N, C-alpha and C. Protein backbone atom coordinates (compact mmCIF):
# COMPACT_ATOMS: atom_id res chain seq x y z
N MET A 1 -11.42 52.09 29.29
CA MET A 1 -13.00 51.54 28.83
C MET A 1 -12.85 50.96 27.42
N HIS A 2 -12.86 52.51 26.84
CA HIS A 2 -12.83 52.41 25.50
C HIS A 2 -11.98 51.65 24.76
N LYS A 3 -10.24 51.62 25.28
CA LYS A 3 -9.09 51.28 25.17
C LYS A 3 -9.57 49.33 24.50
N ARG A 4 -10.22 48.94 26.07
CA ARG A 4 -10.27 47.35 26.64
C ARG A 4 -11.28 47.14 25.13
N ILE A 5 -12.39 47.88 24.90
CA ILE A 5 -13.44 47.54 24.33
C ILE A 5 -12.96 47.29 22.63
N MET A 6 -11.76 48.48 22.13
CA MET A 6 -11.23 48.27 20.97
C MET A 6 -10.45 47.03 20.99
N SER A 7 -9.79 46.82 21.66
CA SER A 7 -8.85 45.66 22.05
C SER A 7 -9.42 44.49 21.64
N PHE A 8 -10.66 44.31 22.04
CA PHE A 8 -11.44 43.25 22.20
C PHE A 8 -11.87 43.04 20.84
N PHE A 9 -12.70 43.60 20.10
CA PHE A 9 -12.97 43.67 18.56
C PHE A 9 -11.86 43.54 18.23
N LEU A 10 -10.40 44.18 18.26
CA LEU A 10 -9.15 43.72 17.34
C LEU A 10 -9.25 42.33 17.46
N VAL A 11 -9.01 41.70 18.75
CA VAL A 11 -8.52 40.33 19.00
C VAL A 11 -9.48 39.38 18.13
N LEU A 12 -10.90 40.28 18.24
CA LEU A 12 -12.22 39.00 17.66
C LEU A 12 -11.98 38.75 15.86
N LEU A 13 -11.90 40.40 15.54
CA LEU A 13 -11.88 40.36 14.08
C LEU A 13 -10.81 39.24 13.12
N ILE A 14 -9.50 39.49 14.03
CA ILE A 14 -8.47 38.63 13.95
C ILE A 14 -8.75 36.43 13.77
N ALA A 15 -9.32 36.45 15.29
CA ALA A 15 -9.79 35.28 14.80
C ALA A 15 -10.53 34.81 13.88
N VAL A 16 -11.73 36.02 13.91
CA VAL A 16 -12.90 35.14 12.92
C VAL A 16 -12.10 35.29 11.06
N ALA A 17 -11.26 36.01 10.98
CA ALA A 17 -10.08 36.13 9.37
C ALA A 17 -9.48 34.99 9.42
N PHE A 18 -8.75 34.56 10.53
CA PHE A 18 -7.91 32.97 10.79
C PHE A 18 -9.00 32.05 10.54
N LEU A 19 -10.35 31.72 10.56
CA LEU A 19 -11.06 30.60 10.73
C LEU A 19 -10.98 29.91 8.83
N PRO A 20 -11.33 30.95 8.39
CA PRO A 20 -11.51 30.22 6.75
C PRO A 20 -10.18 29.52 6.26
N ALA A 21 -8.74 30.00 6.82
CA ALA A 21 -7.39 29.22 6.61
C ALA A 21 -7.37 28.33 7.17
N GLN A 22 -7.88 28.23 8.81
CA GLN A 22 -7.59 26.57 9.28
C GLN A 22 -8.57 25.80 8.57
N ALA A 23 -9.69 25.69 8.00
CA ALA A 23 -10.85 24.95 7.44
C ALA A 23 -10.13 24.50 6.54
N SER A 24 -9.66 25.64 5.52
CA SER A 24 -9.14 24.93 3.99
C SER A 24 -7.74 24.35 4.07
N ALA A 25 -7.04 24.57 5.49
CA ALA A 25 -5.75 23.48 5.95
C ALA A 25 -6.34 22.25 6.23
N ALA A 26 -7.67 21.94 6.89
CA ALA A 26 -8.13 20.87 7.07
C ALA A 26 -8.79 20.14 5.93
N SER A 27 -9.02 20.25 5.04
CA SER A 27 -9.83 20.23 3.77
C SER A 27 -8.59 20.37 2.73
N GLY A 28 -9.39 19.27 1.64
CA GLY A 28 -8.37 19.17 0.48
C GLY A 28 -8.03 17.40 0.57
N LYS A 29 -6.82 17.67 -0.59
CA LYS A 29 -6.13 16.19 -0.55
C LYS A 29 -4.84 15.75 -0.11
N VAL A 30 -4.52 14.55 -0.02
CA VAL A 30 -3.04 14.41 0.41
C VAL A 30 -2.70 13.20 -0.32
N LYS A 31 -1.67 13.66 -1.27
CA LYS A 31 -1.19 13.22 -2.54
C LYS A 31 0.02 12.05 -2.40
N MET A 32 -0.10 10.80 -3.22
CA MET A 32 1.05 9.91 -2.81
C MET A 32 1.16 8.92 -3.76
N THR A 33 2.19 8.16 -4.04
CA THR A 33 2.39 7.46 -5.33
C THR A 33 2.99 6.03 -4.81
N GLY A 34 1.75 5.17 -4.71
CA GLY A 34 2.19 3.63 -4.61
C GLY A 34 2.38 2.55 -5.71
N TYR A 35 3.42 1.81 -5.10
CA TYR A 35 4.25 1.24 -6.38
C TYR A 35 3.38 -0.40 -6.46
N ASN A 36 3.13 -0.73 -7.55
CA ASN A 36 2.55 -2.33 -7.83
C ASN A 36 3.07 -3.36 -7.73
N LYS A 37 4.36 -3.45 -8.26
CA LYS A 37 5.26 -4.24 -8.46
C LYS A 37 6.30 -4.25 -7.42
N VAL A 38 7.59 -3.39 -7.62
CA VAL A 38 8.53 -3.20 -6.89
C VAL A 38 8.81 -1.60 -5.82
N LEU A 39 9.56 -1.67 -4.89
CA LEU A 39 9.70 -0.93 -3.91
C LEU A 39 10.89 -1.34 -3.54
N LYS A 40 12.26 -0.52 -4.24
CA LYS A 40 13.47 -0.53 -3.78
C LYS A 40 13.76 0.47 -2.70
N SER A 41 14.57 0.12 -1.95
CA SER A 41 15.01 1.22 -0.61
C SER A 41 16.29 0.58 -0.47
N GLY A 42 17.70 1.27 -0.91
CA GLY A 42 18.66 0.59 -0.63
C GLY A 42 19.06 -0.44 -1.57
N ASN A 43 19.75 -1.54 -0.58
CA ASN A 43 20.31 -2.73 -1.06
C ASN A 43 19.12 -3.91 -0.87
N VAL A 44 17.81 -3.11 -0.23
CA VAL A 44 16.71 -4.00 -0.33
C VAL A 44 15.48 -3.82 -0.95
N VAL A 45 14.83 -4.75 -1.92
CA VAL A 45 13.69 -4.49 -2.67
C VAL A 45 13.10 -5.54 -2.42
N TYR A 46 11.31 -4.38 -2.28
CA TYR A 46 10.17 -5.51 -1.72
C TYR A 46 9.18 -5.21 -2.84
N CYS A 47 9.00 -6.81 -3.16
CA CYS A 47 8.22 -7.00 -4.48
C CYS A 47 6.79 -8.06 -4.19
N ALA A 48 5.67 -7.43 -4.93
CA ALA A 48 4.35 -7.75 -4.76
C ALA A 48 4.29 -8.89 -5.54
N GLY A 49 4.99 -9.92 -4.84
CA GLY A 49 4.78 -11.13 -6.31
C GLY A 49 3.69 -12.11 -5.72
N ALA A 50 3.04 -13.58 -6.71
CA ALA A 50 2.09 -13.89 -6.86
C ALA A 50 1.91 -14.37 -5.16
N GLU A 51 2.92 -15.24 -4.91
CA GLU A 51 2.92 -15.92 -3.41
C GLU A 51 2.40 -14.96 -2.38
N GLY A 52 3.00 -13.29 -2.50
CA GLY A 52 2.66 -12.34 -1.30
C GLY A 52 3.44 -11.35 -1.85
N ILE A 53 4.35 -11.17 -0.26
CA ILE A 53 5.21 -10.25 -0.50
C ILE A 53 6.78 -10.56 -0.45
N TYR A 54 7.45 -10.49 -0.84
CA TYR A 54 9.05 -10.37 -0.93
C TYR A 54 9.93 -9.49 -0.63
N ARG A 55 11.01 -10.00 0.09
CA ARG A 55 11.83 -9.07 0.48
C ARG A 55 13.26 -9.35 0.10
N VAL A 56 13.86 -8.98 -1.02
CA VAL A 56 14.96 -9.45 -1.56
C VAL A 56 16.27 -8.43 -1.41
N GLY A 57 17.35 -8.83 -1.07
CA GLY A 57 18.83 -8.28 -1.03
C GLY A 57 19.38 -7.93 -2.55
N VAL A 58 19.66 -6.98 -2.91
CA VAL A 58 20.83 -6.96 -3.90
C VAL A 58 21.77 -6.06 -3.78
N ASP A 59 22.76 -6.38 -4.28
CA ASP A 59 23.92 -5.55 -4.38
C ASP A 59 23.67 -4.40 -5.32
N THR A 60 25.39 -3.30 -5.70
CA THR A 60 24.97 -2.58 -6.46
C THR A 60 24.52 -2.47 -7.98
N ALA A 61 25.38 -3.73 -8.31
CA ALA A 61 24.59 -4.04 -9.55
C ALA A 61 23.35 -4.40 -10.04
N GLY A 62 22.70 -5.06 -8.77
CA GLY A 62 21.45 -5.78 -9.09
C GLY A 62 21.20 -6.97 -9.12
N LYS A 63 22.55 -7.70 -8.76
CA LYS A 63 22.21 -9.11 -8.15
C LYS A 63 21.96 -9.40 -6.93
N VAL A 64 20.78 -10.16 -7.05
CA VAL A 64 20.17 -10.81 -5.96
C VAL A 64 21.20 -11.56 -4.79
N THR A 65 21.16 -11.15 -3.91
CA THR A 65 22.41 -11.80 -2.88
C THR A 65 21.44 -12.36 -1.35
N GLY A 66 19.60 -12.05 -1.24
CA GLY A 66 19.32 -12.81 -0.60
C GLY A 66 17.40 -12.77 -0.94
N ILE A 67 16.96 -13.79 -0.47
CA ILE A 67 15.32 -13.65 -0.40
C ILE A 67 14.53 -14.17 0.37
N LYS A 68 13.83 -13.64 0.83
CA LYS A 68 12.61 -13.78 1.74
C LYS A 68 11.00 -13.63 1.46
N LEU A 69 10.15 -14.83 1.41
CA LEU A 69 8.90 -14.05 1.65
C LEU A 69 8.61 -13.68 2.60
N LEU A 70 8.52 -12.40 2.68
CA LEU A 70 8.05 -11.57 3.94
C LEU A 70 6.43 -12.37 4.66
N TYR A 71 5.77 -11.80 3.59
CA TYR A 71 4.40 -12.13 4.05
C TYR A 71 3.97 -13.13 3.29
N TRP A 72 3.51 -14.31 3.63
CA TRP A 72 2.63 -15.38 2.42
C TRP A 72 1.10 -15.07 2.38
N ASP A 73 1.25 -15.55 1.43
CA ASP A 73 -0.82 -15.00 1.09
C ASP A 73 -1.05 -16.22 1.07
N GLU A 74 -1.97 -16.76 2.18
CA GLU A 74 -2.92 -18.14 2.11
C GLU A 74 -3.84 -18.43 0.98
N SER A 75 -4.21 -17.12 0.62
CA SER A 75 -5.56 -17.18 0.01
C SER A 75 -5.19 -16.80 -1.56
N SER A 76 -3.64 -17.13 -2.08
CA SER A 76 -2.99 -16.19 -3.30
C SER A 76 -3.83 -17.40 -4.08
N GLY A 77 -4.35 -16.48 -5.25
CA GLY A 77 -5.00 -17.44 -6.24
C GLY A 77 -5.04 -16.58 -7.85
N GLU A 78 -5.73 -17.02 -8.66
CA GLU A 78 -5.79 -15.72 -9.63
C GLU A 78 -5.69 -14.91 -9.58
N TYR A 79 -7.05 -14.23 -8.67
CA TYR A 79 -7.42 -13.14 -8.13
C TYR A 79 -6.98 -12.47 -7.29
N SER A 80 -6.08 -13.01 -6.37
CA SER A 80 -4.94 -12.43 -5.00
C SER A 80 -3.68 -11.70 -5.45
N TYR A 81 -4.07 -10.75 -4.89
CA TYR A 81 -2.50 -9.80 -5.38
C TYR A 81 -2.09 -8.62 -4.18
N PHE A 82 -0.91 -7.84 -4.10
CA PHE A 82 -0.53 -6.70 -3.45
C PHE A 82 -0.22 -5.48 -4.53
N TYR A 83 -0.58 -4.56 -4.16
CA TYR A 83 -0.10 -3.51 -4.88
C TYR A 83 -0.17 -2.10 -4.45
N GLY A 84 0.04 -1.31 -5.13
CA GLY A 84 0.11 0.28 -4.02
C GLY A 84 1.26 0.45 -2.67
N MET A 85 2.03 -0.11 -2.83
CA MET A 85 3.16 -0.71 -1.75
C MET A 85 3.74 1.00 -1.62
N LYS A 86 4.24 1.08 -0.24
CA LYS A 86 4.43 2.45 0.09
C LYS A 86 5.44 2.28 1.90
N LEU A 87 6.60 2.73 2.01
CA LEU A 87 7.45 2.18 2.74
C LEU A 87 7.35 3.24 4.05
N LYS A 88 6.80 3.03 5.00
CA LYS A 88 7.48 3.90 6.25
C LYS A 88 7.51 3.43 7.54
N GLY A 89 8.76 3.77 7.86
CA GLY A 89 9.27 3.22 8.98
C GLY A 89 10.00 1.83 8.57
N LYS A 90 9.70 1.10 9.80
CA LYS A 90 9.95 -0.39 10.03
C LYS A 90 8.65 -1.06 9.30
N TYR A 91 7.79 -0.29 8.76
CA TYR A 91 6.59 -1.34 7.86
C TYR A 91 5.99 -0.52 6.41
N LEU A 92 5.92 -1.67 5.70
CA LEU A 92 5.48 -1.90 4.50
C LEU A 92 3.74 -1.71 4.46
N TYR A 93 3.43 -0.54 3.78
CA TYR A 93 2.20 -0.44 3.44
C TYR A 93 1.58 -1.07 2.05
N ALA A 94 0.53 -1.48 2.22
CA ALA A 94 0.48 -1.85 0.81
C ALA A 94 -1.36 -2.30 0.44
N GLN A 95 -2.07 -2.24 -0.77
CA GLN A 95 -3.33 -2.56 -0.98
C GLN A 95 -3.57 -3.79 -1.14
N TYR A 96 -4.36 -4.64 -1.30
CA TYR A 96 -4.66 -5.64 -1.43
C TYR A 96 -5.98 -6.12 -2.10
N GLU A 97 -6.21 -7.03 -3.06
CA GLU A 97 -7.39 -7.81 -3.62
C GLU A 97 -7.25 -9.13 -3.34
N THR A 98 -8.52 -9.82 -2.71
CA THR A 98 -8.06 -11.31 -2.16
C THR A 98 -9.48 -12.24 -3.08
N GLU A 99 -9.83 -13.38 -2.88
CA GLU A 99 -10.98 -13.98 -3.42
C GLU A 99 -11.83 -14.00 -2.52
N GLY A 100 -11.55 -13.60 -1.17
CA GLY A 100 -12.39 -13.57 -0.01
C GLY A 100 -13.18 -12.18 -0.14
N THR A 101 -12.76 -11.59 1.16
CA THR A 101 -13.29 -9.81 0.70
C THR A 101 -12.67 -9.35 0.14
N PRO A 102 -13.23 -8.55 -0.88
CA PRO A 102 -12.37 -8.11 -1.66
C PRO A 102 -11.39 -7.08 -1.82
N TYR A 103 -11.21 -6.28 -0.99
CA TYR A 103 -10.23 -4.84 -1.21
C TYR A 103 -9.90 -4.43 0.40
N GLY A 104 -8.51 -4.13 0.51
CA GLY A 104 -8.16 -3.71 1.78
C GLY A 104 -6.87 -3.14 1.97
N LEU A 105 -6.51 -2.53 2.96
CA LEU A 105 -5.29 -2.09 2.87
C LEU A 105 -4.60 -2.71 4.16
N CYS A 106 -3.07 -2.66 4.20
CA CYS A 106 -2.55 -3.64 5.40
C CYS A 106 -1.29 -3.33 5.20
N ARG A 107 -0.83 -3.73 6.52
CA ARG A 107 0.62 -3.03 6.97
C ARG A 107 1.43 -4.23 7.35
N VAL A 108 2.85 -4.82 6.40
CA VAL A 108 3.35 -5.91 7.10
C VAL A 108 4.89 -5.36 7.41
N HIS A 109 5.00 -6.00 8.74
CA HIS A 109 6.53 -5.45 9.25
C HIS A 109 7.61 -5.83 8.30
N VAL A 110 8.69 -5.24 8.03
CA VAL A 110 9.88 -5.54 7.43
C VAL A 110 10.60 -6.23 7.91
N VAL A 111 10.83 -6.83 9.11
CA VAL A 111 11.96 -8.01 9.35
C VAL A 111 10.93 -9.08 10.12
N THR A 112 9.58 -8.85 10.40
CA THR A 112 9.13 -10.30 11.18
C THR A 112 7.98 -10.35 9.95
N GLY A 113 7.83 -9.73 9.17
CA GLY A 113 6.73 -10.30 8.20
C GLY A 113 5.18 -10.41 8.57
N LYS A 114 4.95 -9.98 9.97
CA LYS A 114 3.46 -9.68 10.61
C LYS A 114 2.60 -8.84 9.80
N CYS A 115 1.69 -9.60 9.47
CA CYS A 115 0.75 -8.44 8.53
C CYS A 115 -0.32 -7.93 9.64
N LYS A 116 -0.77 -6.81 9.22
CA LYS A 116 -2.46 -6.40 9.96
C LYS A 116 -2.78 -5.43 9.09
N GLU A 117 -4.36 -6.05 9.15
CA GLU A 117 -5.39 -5.27 8.28
C GLU A 117 -5.32 -3.91 8.45
N LEU A 118 -5.56 -3.21 8.11
CA LEU A 118 -5.99 -1.70 8.51
C LEU A 118 -7.25 -1.26 8.10
N ALA A 119 -7.59 -1.83 6.77
CA ALA A 119 -8.74 -1.32 6.63
C ALA A 119 -9.41 -2.16 5.35
N SER A 120 -10.61 -2.28 5.02
CA SER A 120 -11.28 -3.44 3.85
C SER A 120 -12.74 -2.94 3.51
N VAL A 121 -12.96 -3.42 2.45
CA VAL A 121 -14.62 -3.09 1.77
C VAL A 121 -15.20 -4.11 1.42
N ASP A 122 -16.37 -4.50 1.63
CA ASP A 122 -16.58 -6.03 0.78
C ASP A 122 -17.32 -5.61 -0.66
N CYS A 123 -17.58 -4.18 -0.97
CA CYS A 123 -17.86 -4.14 -2.31
C CYS A 123 -16.70 -3.86 -3.33
N GLU A 124 -17.36 -3.96 -4.34
CA GLU A 124 -16.17 -3.66 -5.51
C GLU A 124 -15.58 -2.25 -5.29
N GLY A 125 -13.89 -2.39 -5.52
CA GLY A 125 -13.27 -1.00 -5.85
C GLY A 125 -12.02 -1.22 -5.14
N SER A 126 -11.47 -0.25 -4.28
CA SER A 126 -10.31 -0.62 -3.56
C SER A 126 -10.36 0.63 -2.70
N VAL A 127 -9.00 0.24 -1.72
CA VAL A 127 -9.05 1.07 -0.75
C VAL A 127 -7.96 2.40 -0.85
N GLU A 128 -8.30 3.28 -1.37
CA GLU A 128 -7.07 4.25 -1.53
C GLU A 128 -6.73 4.90 -0.50
N TYR A 129 -5.36 5.55 -0.63
CA TYR A 129 -5.09 5.95 0.74
C TYR A 129 -3.43 6.84 0.65
N ALA A 130 -3.35 7.64 1.56
CA ALA A 130 -1.99 8.30 1.06
C ALA A 130 -1.79 8.74 3.01
N ILE A 131 -0.28 8.86 3.33
CA ILE A 131 0.38 8.70 4.28
C ILE A 131 0.67 10.29 4.15
N LYS A 132 0.71 10.93 5.40
CA LYS A 132 1.31 12.15 5.85
C LYS A 132 1.72 12.35 7.30
N GLY A 133 2.69 12.34 7.69
CA GLY A 133 3.13 12.25 8.68
C GLY A 133 3.16 10.91 10.02
N ASN A 134 2.04 11.33 10.72
CA ASN A 134 1.75 9.58 11.40
C ASN A 134 0.26 9.67 11.08
N LYS A 135 -0.05 9.71 10.05
CA LYS A 135 -1.66 9.69 9.85
C LYS A 135 -1.77 8.99 8.53
N ILE A 136 -2.55 7.96 8.02
CA ILE A 136 -2.89 7.24 7.02
C ILE A 136 -4.35 7.84 6.98
N TYR A 137 -5.03 8.75 5.63
CA TYR A 137 -6.20 9.67 4.83
C TYR A 137 -6.21 8.01 3.99
N TYR A 138 -7.50 7.67 3.84
CA TYR A 138 -7.77 6.72 3.27
C TYR A 138 -9.36 6.48 2.99
N LYS A 139 -10.00 6.15 1.21
CA LYS A 139 -11.61 6.01 1.58
C LYS A 139 -11.68 4.79 0.48
N ALA A 140 -12.45 4.36 0.32
CA ALA A 140 -13.00 3.43 -0.57
C ALA A 140 -13.25 3.92 -2.05
N LEU A 141 -12.64 3.33 -2.91
CA LEU A 141 -12.72 3.87 -4.45
C LEU A 141 -14.31 4.41 -4.67
N GLY A 142 -14.15 5.51 -5.27
CA GLY A 142 -15.41 5.66 -5.65
C GLY A 142 -16.38 6.97 -4.87
N SER A 143 -16.26 6.35 -3.16
CA SER A 143 -16.58 6.86 -2.64
C SER A 143 -15.92 8.47 -2.08
N LYS A 144 -17.47 9.45 -2.02
CA LYS A 144 -17.09 10.92 -1.38
C LYS A 144 -16.99 11.27 0.20
N LYS A 145 -16.79 9.82 0.35
CA LYS A 145 -16.28 10.06 2.51
C LYS A 145 -14.77 10.00 2.42
N GLY A 146 -14.40 10.63 2.95
CA GLY A 146 -12.90 10.51 3.68
C GLY A 146 -12.70 10.23 4.71
N ARG A 147 -12.27 9.45 5.39
CA ARG A 147 -11.44 8.93 6.68
C ARG A 147 -9.72 8.64 7.24
N VAL A 148 -9.48 9.12 8.28
CA VAL A 148 -8.34 9.23 8.85
C VAL A 148 -7.98 8.25 10.05
N MET A 149 -6.93 7.32 10.26
CA MET A 149 -6.42 6.61 11.11
C MET A 149 -5.09 6.68 11.67
N ASN A 150 -4.90 6.40 12.75
CA ASN A 150 -3.13 6.24 13.21
C ASN A 150 -2.36 5.39 12.19
N LEU A 151 -1.42 5.45 12.17
CA LEU A 151 -0.57 4.55 11.52
C LEU A 151 -1.09 3.01 11.84
N ASN A 152 -1.28 2.77 12.78
CA ASN A 152 -1.36 1.16 13.71
C ASN A 152 -2.62 0.61 13.09
N GLY A 153 -3.41 1.89 12.37
CA GLY A 153 -5.20 1.58 12.04
C GLY A 153 -5.94 1.76 13.22
N LYS A 154 -5.93 2.34 13.93
CA LYS A 154 -6.27 2.90 15.53
C LYS A 154 -6.61 4.21 14.70
N SER A 155 -7.95 4.72 16.19
CA SER A 155 -8.93 5.88 15.80
C SER A 155 -8.76 6.55 14.66
N LYS A 156 -9.77 6.09 14.10
CA LYS A 156 -10.49 6.08 12.91
C LYS A 156 -11.59 6.86 12.80
N LYS A 157 -11.77 8.16 11.85
CA LYS A 157 -12.73 8.89 12.29
C LYS A 157 -13.15 9.74 10.51
N ARG A 158 -13.97 10.27 10.32
CA ARG A 158 -14.55 11.14 8.79
C ARG A 158 -13.12 12.03 9.44
N THR A 159 -13.27 12.63 8.35
CA THR A 159 -12.19 13.53 7.61
C THR A 159 -12.74 14.52 6.39
N SER A 160 -12.50 15.94 6.03
CA SER A 160 -12.68 16.42 5.10
C SER A 160 -11.35 15.91 3.93
N VAL A 161 -10.47 16.06 4.49
CA VAL A 161 -9.32 15.54 3.58
C VAL A 161 -9.49 13.88 2.93
N LYS A 162 -8.98 13.94 1.79
CA LYS A 162 -9.08 12.40 1.20
C LYS A 162 -7.61 12.37 0.21
N PRO A 163 -7.53 11.15 0.15
CA PRO A 163 -6.12 11.05 -0.42
C PRO A 163 -6.48 10.47 -2.35
N LYS A 164 -5.44 11.07 -2.49
CA LYS A 164 -4.92 11.17 -4.30
C LYS A 164 -4.13 10.18 -4.43
N MET A 165 -4.49 8.82 -5.08
CA MET A 165 -2.67 8.39 -5.20
C MET A 165 -2.77 7.84 -6.70
N THR A 166 -1.42 7.81 -6.92
CA THR A 166 -0.78 7.47 -7.86
C THR A 166 -0.15 6.50 -7.84
N HIS A 167 0.14 5.38 -9.05
CA HIS A 167 0.48 4.26 -8.88
C HIS A 167 0.96 4.17 -10.06
N LYS A 168 2.33 3.54 -10.02
CA LYS A 168 3.70 3.35 -10.40
C LYS A 168 4.12 1.67 -10.46
N LYS A 169 4.28 1.16 -11.23
CA LYS A 169 4.97 -0.03 -11.31
C LYS A 169 5.90 -0.29 -10.51
N SER A 170 7.11 0.29 -10.88
CA SER A 170 8.58 0.48 -10.06
C SER A 170 8.99 2.12 -9.21
N ASN A 171 9.30 1.76 -8.61
CA ASN A 171 10.42 3.34 -8.38
C ASN A 171 11.84 2.90 -8.64
N ALA A 172 12.02 2.03 -9.22
CA ALA A 172 13.52 1.96 -9.36
C ALA A 172 13.75 1.80 -11.25
N ASP A 173 14.52 1.99 -11.71
CA ASP A 173 14.72 1.80 -13.15
C ASP A 173 15.71 0.54 -13.39
N GLY A 174 14.74 -0.31 -14.14
CA GLY A 174 15.20 -1.39 -14.44
C GLY A 174 14.98 -2.43 -13.62
N TYR A 175 14.01 -2.26 -12.91
CA TYR A 175 13.30 -3.12 -11.77
C TYR A 175 12.10 -3.67 -12.06
N THR A 176 11.71 -4.69 -12.28
CA THR A 176 10.34 -5.04 -12.39
C THR A 176 10.03 -6.47 -11.82
N VAL A 177 8.60 -6.69 -11.61
CA VAL A 177 8.62 -8.24 -11.36
C VAL A 177 7.71 -8.77 -12.80
N ILE A 178 7.80 -10.14 -12.49
CA ILE A 178 7.40 -11.17 -13.86
C ILE A 178 6.53 -11.89 -13.23
N MET A 179 5.18 -12.57 -13.49
CA MET A 179 4.84 -13.55 -13.06
C MET A 179 4.37 -14.70 -14.38
N ALA A 180 5.02 -15.88 -14.40
CA ALA A 180 4.54 -16.99 -15.07
C ALA A 180 3.89 -17.90 -14.93
N GLU A 181 3.10 -18.09 -16.19
CA GLU A 181 1.34 -19.18 -15.24
C GLU A 181 1.41 -20.07 -16.47
N HIS A 182 1.74 -21.34 -15.54
CA HIS A 182 1.46 -22.60 -16.50
C HIS A 182 0.66 -23.72 -16.02
N GLU A 183 -0.23 -24.43 -17.00
CA GLU A 183 -0.79 -25.34 -16.83
C GLU A 183 -0.03 -26.51 -16.54
N ILE A 184 -0.44 -27.23 -15.34
CA ILE A 184 0.42 -28.91 -15.05
C ILE A 184 -0.92 -29.77 -15.21
N PRO A 185 -0.61 -30.52 -15.39
CA PRO A 185 -1.54 -32.03 -15.09
C PRO A 185 -1.55 -32.10 -13.86
N CYS A 186 -3.26 -32.44 -13.51
CA CYS A 186 -3.74 -32.34 -12.47
C CYS A 186 -3.73 -34.02 -12.14
N LEU A 187 -3.27 -34.09 -10.47
CA LEU A 187 -3.34 -35.78 -9.54
C LEU A 187 -4.77 -36.24 -9.12
N ASP A 188 -5.91 -34.42 -8.69
CA ASP A 188 -6.68 -35.36 -8.39
C ASP A 188 -7.89 -35.27 -9.15
N GLU A 189 -8.45 -36.00 -9.55
CA GLU A 189 -9.78 -36.08 -10.76
C GLU A 189 -10.67 -35.49 -10.55
N GLU A 190 -11.24 -34.49 -9.17
CA GLU A 190 -11.86 -33.62 -9.05
C GLU A 190 -11.33 -31.93 -9.26
N THR A 191 -10.14 -31.76 -9.79
CA THR A 191 -9.79 -30.68 -10.02
C THR A 191 -9.71 -30.38 -11.55
N ASP A 192 -10.90 -29.61 -12.20
CA ASP A 192 -10.45 -29.67 -13.87
C ASP A 192 -9.20 -29.08 -14.13
N GLU A 193 -8.38 -28.21 -13.33
CA GLU A 193 -7.45 -27.18 -14.00
C GLU A 193 -6.72 -27.10 -12.79
N GLN A 194 -4.97 -27.32 -12.90
CA GLN A 194 -3.93 -27.00 -11.96
C GLN A 194 -2.89 -25.83 -12.61
N TYR A 195 -2.63 -25.01 -11.76
CA TYR A 195 -1.27 -23.96 -12.59
C TYR A 195 -0.36 -24.01 -11.73
N LEU A 196 0.70 -23.76 -12.35
CA LEU A 196 2.22 -23.50 -11.59
C LEU A 196 2.29 -22.18 -12.06
N VAL A 197 2.59 -21.02 -10.92
CA VAL A 197 2.62 -19.85 -10.80
C VAL A 197 3.88 -19.31 -10.55
N THR A 198 5.16 -18.85 -11.29
CA THR A 198 6.25 -18.57 -10.67
C THR A 198 6.67 -17.10 -11.04
N THR A 199 7.15 -16.19 -9.72
CA THR A 199 7.36 -15.05 -9.56
C THR A 199 9.15 -15.29 -9.59
N TYR A 200 9.43 -13.68 -10.84
CA TYR A 200 10.99 -13.57 -10.88
C TYR A 200 10.77 -11.88 -10.48
N LEU A 201 12.21 -11.84 -10.36
CA LEU A 201 12.55 -10.15 -10.14
C LEU A 201 13.46 -10.09 -11.43
N LYS A 202 13.48 -8.84 -11.97
CA LYS A 202 14.48 -8.40 -13.48
C LYS A 202 14.78 -7.31 -12.48
N THR A 203 16.29 -7.79 -12.70
CA THR A 203 17.27 -6.17 -12.67
C THR A 203 18.05 -5.99 -13.30
N PRO A 204 18.77 -4.85 -13.59
CA PRO A 204 19.92 -4.46 -14.24
C PRO A 204 21.22 -5.73 -14.47
N ALA A 205 20.71 -6.64 -13.58
CA ALA A 205 22.11 -7.98 -13.33
C ALA A 205 21.42 -9.06 -13.97
N GLY A 206 20.05 -8.92 -14.43
CA GLY A 206 19.61 -10.02 -14.84
C GLY A 206 18.10 -10.66 -14.29
N THR A 207 17.03 -11.77 -14.27
CA THR A 207 16.15 -12.06 -13.95
C THR A 207 16.32 -13.13 -13.16
N PHE A 208 15.71 -13.25 -11.99
CA PHE A 208 16.02 -14.34 -10.98
C PHE A 208 14.54 -14.84 -10.18
N LYS A 209 14.44 -15.86 -10.12
CA LYS A 209 13.80 -16.54 -9.43
C LYS A 209 13.37 -16.38 -8.08
N LEU A 210 12.02 -15.62 -7.43
CA LEU A 210 11.59 -15.85 -6.36
C LEU A 210 11.04 -17.01 -5.64
N GLY A 211 10.21 -17.35 -6.37
CA GLY A 211 9.19 -18.59 -5.71
C GLY A 211 7.78 -19.03 -6.55
N SER A 212 7.81 -20.11 -6.35
CA SER A 212 6.49 -20.55 -7.26
C SER A 212 5.61 -20.82 -6.16
N HIS A 213 4.07 -21.35 -6.58
CA HIS A 213 3.23 -21.90 -5.91
C HIS A 213 2.41 -22.48 -6.99
N ILE A 214 1.21 -23.59 -6.78
CA ILE A 214 0.43 -24.51 -7.71
C ILE A 214 -1.27 -23.91 -7.06
N TYR A 215 -1.87 -23.50 -7.67
CA TYR A 215 -3.25 -22.96 -7.44
C TYR A 215 -4.39 -23.65 -8.88
């Protein structure tokens, strides 16, 4: 009997001693870098342009071999853009700002271009996020409350783990996105101003036009 009691207390002490380690492992921060302009993966370059997200093929020298507007943002305008890109599997994750609901987080299928909104906020700020394994840790900028969800945006719940993002323009030397804006004559008398915006990809092989639109 005495040995059984001692064994019980020994197991209990080990369990109690292990609890703080579990708690500390379940709290803290998850770090990730998001790319605001260019994310290169092999011979494919994902570009956050004025028209939306482009998928661009390049050769080893950086010459463009193919251009696809992967996702067209219908609300594109002076204050609409994507940033904070991260590639995970067959999806490109990105933060966005629009002229409607200001800020959010979405993912775009790299083949079909199908876009799904994962989270959004109505207040001024951004949805900061970090991917670890099959989970996305996210929160509104300035908020003290962290949340976690599956990669598809489901099973959202609160968590003590918070994302810590680092933003960079590009993950590849010599690759960047340039946007040029020019005012053009208005054919519509009710429109005060009209602009032509053009997106270019600059690579070590030169500067290539990706697309343009009028707003």
